[in-house]
Amino acid sequence: MVGVDVLMSLGLTLWHLGALHPVEKAVTLVLAFGPVLVLAIVVVLRRRADDAAAHDPDAVPADAPTGRP
């Protein structure tokens, strides 16, 4: 069976490489989940800013022309 062979060779490869060093684990987690967390924070902050601007009728939109060349 092809699926069993692939899983077996993957398992042997991972076993051969051994366990990750704690620093490698931390780097792997940061690289895997860091961009997603940063994106989530940016989305939350932008939504808060947009909601605040929507409730403030005197607010000037960020993309409004300033009159400067």
C-alpha atoms as a PDB file:
ATOM      1  CA  MET A   1       0.000   0.000   0.000  1.00  0.00           C
ATOM      2  CA  VAL A   2       1.384   3.341  -1.040  1.00  0.00           C
ATOM      3  CA  GLY A   3      -0.169   5.339   1.836  1.00  0.00           C
ATOM      4  CA  VAL A   4       1.337   3.081   4.489  1.00  0.00           C
ATOM      5  CA  ASP A   5       4.765   3.270   2.842  1.00  0.00           C
ATOM      6  CA  VAL A   6       4.656   7.064   2.753  1.00  0.00           C
ATOM      7  CA  LEU A   7       3.621   7.295   6.405  1.00  0.00           C
ATOM      8  CA  MET A   8       6.257   4.772   7.397  1.00  0.00           C
ATOM      9  CA  SER A   9       9.048   6.598   5.570  1.00  0.00           C
ATOM     10  CA  LEU A  10       7.873   9.926   7.020  1.00  0.00           C
ATOM     11  CA  GLY A  11       7.870   8.436  10.497  1.00  0.00           C
ATOM     12  CA  LEU A  12      11.345   6.992  10.005  1.00  0.00           C
ATOM     13  CA  THR A  13      12.633  10.307   8.723  1.00  0.00           C
ATOM     14  CA  LEU A  14      11.253  12.190  11.705  1.00  0.00           C
ATOM     15  CA  TRP A  15      12.613   9.566  14.081  1.00  0.00           C
ATOM     16  CA  HIS A  16      16.019   9.778  12.418  1.00  0.00           C
ATOM     17  CA  LEU A  17      16.125  13.571  12.762  1.00  0.00           C
ATOM     18  CA  GLY A  18      15.387  13.325  16.477  1.00  0.00           C
ATOM     19  CA  ALA A  19      13.656  15.713  18.792  1.00  0.00           C
ATOM     20  CA  LEU A  20      13.939  19.430  18.284  1.00  0.00           C
ATOM     21  CA  HIS A  21      16.004  21.545  20.627  1.00  0.00           C
ATOM     22  CA  PRO A  22      13.800  23.855  22.756  1.00  0.00           C
ATOM     23  CA  VAL A  23      15.079  26.896  20.868  1.00  0.00           C
ATOM     24  CA  GLU A  24      14.208  25.222  17.568  1.00  0.00           C
ATOM     25  CA  LYS A  25      10.724  24.493  18.885  1.00  0.00           C
ATOM     26  CA  ALA A  26      10.270  28.139  19.865  1.00  0.00           C
ATOM     27  CA  VAL A  27      11.518  29.378  16.478  1.00  0.00           C
ATOM     28  CA  THR A  28       9.242  26.935  14.673  1.00  0.00           C
ATOM     29  CA  LEU A  29       6.210  28.078  16.658  1.00  0.00           C
ATOM     30  CA  VAL A  30       7.026  31.758  16.117  1.00  0.00           C
ATOM     31  CA  LEU A  31       7.462  31.221  12.385  1.00  0.00           C
ATOM     32  CA  ALA A  32       4.283  29.157  12.166  1.00  0.00           C
ATOM     33  CA  PHE A  33       1.920  31.265  14.265  1.00  0.00           C
ATOM     34  CA  GLY A  34       3.601  34.682  14.464  1.00  0.00           C
ATOM     35  CA  PRO A  35       2.330  36.070  11.143  1.00  0.00           C
ATOM     36  CA  VAL A  36      -1.212  34.922  11.930  1.00  0.00           C
ATOM     37  CA  LEU A  37      -1.126  36.617  15.326  1.00  0.00           C
ATOM     38  CA  VAL A  38       0.277  39.838  13.856  1.00  0.00           C
ATOM     39  CA  LEU A  39      -2.438  39.841  11.200  1.00  0.00           C
ATOM     40  CA  ALA A  40      -5.131  39.282  13.831  1.00  0.00           C
ATOM     41  CA  ILE A  41      -3.820  42.202  15.902  1.00  0.00           C
ATOM     42  CA  VAL A  42      -3.750  44.480  12.854  1.00  0.00           C
ATOM     43  CA  VAL A  43      -7.315  43.527  11.923  1.00  0.00           C
ATOM     44  CA  VAL A  44      -8.575  44.182  15.464  1.00  0.00           C
ATOM     45  CA  LEU A  45      -6.838  47.564  15.651  1.00  0.00           C
ATOM     46  CA  ARG A  46      -8.099  48.643  12.219  1.00  0.00           C
ATOM     47  CA  ARG A  47     -11.669  47.629  13.081  1.00  0.00           C
ATOM     48  CA  ARG A  48     -11.493  49.624  16.314  1.00  0.00           C
ATOM     49  CA  ALA A  49     -10.207  52.646  14.418  1.00  0.00           C
ATOM     50  CA  ASP A  50     -12.903  52.290  11.763  1.00  0.00           C
ATOM     51  CA  ASP A  51     -15.630  51.925  14.403  1.00  0.00           C
ATOM     52  CA  ALA A  52     -14.344  54.967  16.280  1.00  0.00           C
ATOM     53  CA  ALA A  53     -14.281  56.997  13.060  1.00  0.00           C
ATOM     54  CA  ALA A  54     -17.796  55.885  12.172  1.00  0.00           C
ATOM     55  CA  HIS A  55     -19.137  57.088  15.530  1.00  0.00           C
ATOM     56  CA  ASP A  56     -17.302  60.441  15.403  1.00  0.00           C
ATOM     57  CA  PRO A  57     -18.989  62.702  12.826  1.00  0.00           C
ATOM     58  CA  ASP A  58     -16.201  65.319  13.033  1.00  0.00           C
ATOM     59  CA  ALA A  59     -13.435  62.832  12.314  1.00  0.00           C
ATOM     60  CA  VAL A  60     -11.452  63.314   9.136  1.00  0.00           C
ATOM     61  CA  PRO A  61     -10.919  60.082   7.166  1.00  0.00           C
ATOM     62  CA  ALA A  62      -7.314  58.964   6.946  1.00  0.00           C
ATOM     63  CA  ASP A  63      -7.432  58.975   3.154  1.00  0.00           C
ATOM     64  CA  ALA A  64      -8.956  62.444   2.882  1.00  0.00           C
ATOM     65  CA  PRO A  65      -6.922  65.055   1.020  1.00  0.00           C
ATOM     66  CA  THR A  66      -5.095  67.438   3.340  1.00  0.00           C
ATOM     67  CA  GLY A  67      -4.813  70.332   0.926  1.00  0.00           C
ATOM     68  CA  ARG A  68      -1.028  69.961   0.733  1.00  0.00           C
ATOM     69  CA  PRO A  69       0.619  69.144  -2.597  1.00  0.00           C
END
